[in-house]
Amino acid sequence: MRIAIALPLLLLGACQVSKDDNNGTMSVTYNSDVAENAAADVGNTVENIAGDIGNDVQRTSDKIENRVGDDDNKAADNQANATENR
């Protein structure tokens, strides 16, 4: 959603405005190179953020898996101890 908001701003940033003081005219030109570079920068940023989120999710998943594994091991140890105490 934020990218949809940023896109018009990027396109606006690619516009170059010049004013001719002699006859009071103003011209606006669109520089596609600037727009392409900005779009590439945004794409790289989004890719980096997505990679960071993926890494965080993987680390969290590993932590949960380790915690569940520890709990399962404790439960098995408790079961074995209960059986030995009988």
Protein backbone atom coordinates (compact mmCIF):
# COMPACT_ATOMS: atom_id res chain seq x y z
CA MET A 1 0.00 0.00 0.00
CA ARG A 2 2.79 2.41 0.82
CA ILE A 3 4.40 1.75 -2.53
CA ALA A 4 1.18 2.76 -4.28
CA ILE A 5 1.38 6.07 -2.44
CA ALA A 6 5.07 6.53 -3.21
CA LEU A 7 4.80 5.80 -6.93
CA PRO A 8 3.22 9.15 -7.90
CA LEU A 9 5.86 10.93 -5.83
CA LEU A 10 8.60 9.08 -7.69
CA LEU A 11 7.06 10.05 -11.00
CA LEU A 12 6.78 13.64 -9.86
CA GLY A 13 10.44 13.56 -8.86
CA ALA A 14 11.32 12.57 -12.42
CA CYS A 15 9.76 15.77 -13.76
CA GLN A 16 12.06 18.67 -14.44
CA VAL A 17 10.59 22.16 -14.44
CA SER A 18 12.26 25.07 -16.21
CA LYS A 19 11.10 28.66 -16.47
CA ASP A 20 11.92 31.06 -19.24
CA ASP A 21 12.11 34.55 -17.73
CA ASN A 22 12.15 36.25 -21.14
CA ASN A 23 8.63 35.33 -22.14
CA GLY A 24 7.24 34.06 -18.81
CA THR A 25 6.72 30.48 -19.98
CA MET A 26 7.32 27.37 -17.97
CA SER A 27 8.03 23.91 -19.29
CA VAL A 28 7.83 20.55 -17.60
CA THR A 29 9.77 17.59 -18.97
CA TYR A 30 9.75 14.00 -17.81
CA ASN A 31 13.13 12.37 -17.38
CA SER A 32 12.64 8.62 -17.78
CA ASP A 33 16.20 7.86 -16.63
CA VAL A 34 15.52 9.46 -13.26
CA ALA A 35 12.24 7.57 -12.98
CA GLU A 36 13.88 4.25 -13.87
CA ASN A 37 16.66 4.79 -11.34
CA ALA A 38 14.16 5.69 -8.64
CA ALA A 39 12.04 2.64 -9.46
CA ALA A 40 15.13 0.42 -9.32
CA ASP A 41 16.09 1.89 -5.95
CA VAL A 42 12.60 1.28 -4.60
CA GLY A 43 12.63 -2.27 -5.97
CA ASN A 44 15.98 -2.98 -4.31
CA THR A 45 14.77 -1.55 -1.02
CA VAL A 46 11.61 -3.65 -1.13
CA GLU A 47 13.66 -6.74 -1.96
CA ASN A 48 16.00 -6.08 0.98
CA ILE A 49 13.09 -5.54 3.36
CA ALA A 50 11.40 -8.74 2.16
CA GLY A 51 14.66 -10.63 2.67
CA ASP A 52 14.99 -9.25 6.20
CA ILE A 53 11.42 -10.24 7.02
CA GLY A 54 12.04 -13.73 5.62
CA ASN A 55 15.16 -14.07 7.75
CA ASP A 56 13.30 -12.93 10.87
CA VAL A 57 10.52 -15.42 10.20
CA GLN A 58 13.05 -18.21 9.73
CA ARG A 59 14.86 -17.35 12.98
CA THR A 60 11.56 -17.20 14.86
CA SER A 61 10.53 -20.53 13.39
CA ASP A 62 13.84 -22.06 14.45
CA LYS A 63 13.40 -20.72 17.98
CA ILE A 64 9.87 -22.11 18.20
CA GLU A 65 11.02 -25.46 16.84
CA ASN A 66 13.84 -25.59 19.37
CA ARG A 67 11.49 -24.66 22.20
CA VAL A 68 8.93 -27.29 21.20
CA GLY A 69 11.72 -29.84 20.87
CA ASP A 70 13.00 -28.96 24.36
CA ASP A 71 9.49 -29.30 25.79
CA ASP A 72 9.07 -32.69 24.10
CA ASN A 73 12.40 -33.85 25.52
CA LYS A 74 11.40 -32.68 29.02
CA ALA A 75 8.09 -34.50 28.73
CA ALA A 76 9.87 -37.69 27.63
CA ASP A 77 12.35 -37.37 30.52
CA ASN A 78 9.53 -36.83 32.99
CA GLN A 79 7.73 -39.89 31.62
CA ALA A 80 10.90 -41.97 31.94
CA ASN A 81 11.49 -40.74 35.50
CA ALA A 82 7.89 -41.50 36.48
CA THR A 83 8.23 -45.01 35.12
CA GLU A 84 11.51 -45.56 36.98
CA ASN A 85 10.04 -44.34 40.27
CA ARG A 86 7.27 -46.94 40.16
